[in-house]
Amino acid sequence: MPLEKVVRKIPSSQREATSEKLIDIVLKSRNSKKMPSSLAKTILYYWQKEQLASEVGLQRLLKASLLIDPEKTTAVLRELGFEKLAAMLQKS
């Protein structure tokens, strides 16, 4: 499933919490070298504009966190109550 569709299934009321959890994965992981510098720059741009919780900002965060640590990413989605989304991402 494309990340755009995944993010659209996250209610706007939970996007801020989701973005905070995903940024923690991206910043705290030892696998950060797996993320292309262009993606890191895009995330920084959305962070500076306070748009990480926007649809596009969340797409980029989700992409980065899946590259860096897919297991933690799906665990965070489950923790936030997005079982179906986590299962879909785990399959792909």
Protein backbone atom coordinates (compact mmCIF):
# COMPACT_ATOMS: atom_id res chain seq x y z
CA MET A 1 0.00 0.00 0.00
CA PRO A 2 1.41 3.41 -0.91
CA LEU A 3 2.44 5.56 2.06
CA GLU A 4 0.01 8.27 0.95
CA LYS A 5 -2.91 5.93 1.57
CA VAL A 6 -1.47 4.78 4.89
CA VAL A 7 -1.11 8.35 6.17
CA ARG A 8 -4.64 9.24 5.06
CA LYS A 9 -5.94 6.51 7.37
CA ILE A 10 -4.35 8.22 10.38
CA PRO A 11 -6.91 10.59 11.93
CA SER A 12 -5.80 14.21 12.04
CA SER A 13 -6.27 14.16 15.81
CA GLN A 14 -3.50 11.55 16.08
CA ARG A 15 -1.05 12.85 13.51
CA GLU A 16 0.93 14.97 15.97
CA ALA A 17 1.51 12.02 18.34
CA THR A 18 2.37 9.78 15.40
CA SER A 19 4.91 12.26 14.03
CA GLU A 20 6.55 12.59 17.46
CA LYS A 21 6.93 8.82 17.79
CA LEU A 22 8.29 8.46 14.26
CA ILE A 23 10.81 11.28 14.69
CA ASP A 24 12.05 9.51 17.82
CA ILE A 25 12.72 6.41 15.75
CA VAL A 26 14.57 8.43 13.12
CA LEU A 27 16.68 10.40 15.59
CA LYS A 28 17.52 7.65 18.07
CA SER A 29 18.33 4.81 15.72
CA ARG A 30 21.84 3.59 15.07
CA ASN A 31 20.73 2.74 11.54
CA SER A 32 20.34 6.34 10.44
CA LYS A 33 22.86 5.78 7.64
CA LYS A 34 20.15 3.85 5.81
CA MET A 35 18.26 7.11 5.22
CA PRO A 36 19.26 9.03 2.08
CA SER A 37 20.47 12.57 2.76
CA SER A 38 17.75 13.96 0.48
CA LEU A 39 15.09 12.41 2.69
CA ALA A 40 16.79 13.79 5.81
CA LYS A 41 16.81 17.26 4.27
CA THR A 42 13.13 16.97 3.41
CA ILE A 43 12.29 15.98 6.98
CA LEU A 44 14.33 18.90 8.31
CA TYR A 45 12.46 21.24 5.98
CA TYR A 46 9.06 20.06 7.23
CA TRP A 47 10.30 20.21 10.82
CA GLN A 48 11.43 23.82 10.41
CA LYS A 49 8.03 24.70 8.94
CA GLU A 50 6.31 22.83 11.80
CA GLN A 51 4.67 20.56 9.24
CA LEU A 52 5.84 17.11 10.37
CA ALA A 53 2.27 16.24 11.34
CA SER A 54 0.96 17.25 7.90
CA GLU A 55 0.09 14.56 5.40
CA VAL A 56 3.30 15.01 3.41
CA GLY A 57 5.45 15.42 6.53
CA LEU A 58 4.11 12.17 7.96
CA GLN A 59 4.69 10.39 4.66
CA ARG A 60 8.36 11.38 4.74
CA LEU A 61 8.73 10.42 8.40
CA LEU A 62 7.06 7.09 7.81
CA LYS A 63 9.29 6.39 4.83
CA ALA A 64 12.41 7.22 6.85
CA SER A 65 11.39 5.23 9.90
CA LEU A 66 10.55 2.20 7.74
CA LEU A 67 13.97 2.40 6.10
CA ILE A 68 15.77 2.78 9.41
CA ASP A 69 13.84 0.40 11.64
CA PRO A 70 10.74 -1.26 10.20
CA GLU A 71 10.12 -3.35 13.34
CA LYS A 72 10.04 -0.33 15.66
CA THR A 73 7.89 1.56 13.18
CA THR A 74 5.22 -1.13 13.08
CA ALA A 75 5.43 -1.49 16.87
CA VAL A 76 4.80 2.25 17.29
CA LEU A 77 1.83 2.10 14.93
CA ARG A 78 0.40 -0.77 16.95
CA GLU A 79 1.02 1.15 20.18
CA LEU A 80 -0.96 4.06 18.76
CA GLY A 81 -3.85 1.75 17.85
CA PHE A 82 -3.18 1.34 14.13
CA GLU A 83 -3.07 -2.49 14.03
CA LYS A 84 -4.33 -2.74 10.45
CA LEU A 85 -1.86 -0.16 9.15
CA ALA A 86 1.03 -1.91 10.89
CA ALA A 87 -0.02 -5.24 9.45
CA MET A 88 -0.29 -3.79 5.94
CA LEU A 89 3.15 -2.21 6.18
CA GLN A 90 4.68 -5.37 7.57
CA LYS A 91 3.43 -7.33 4.56
CA SER A 92 4.96 -4.94 2.05
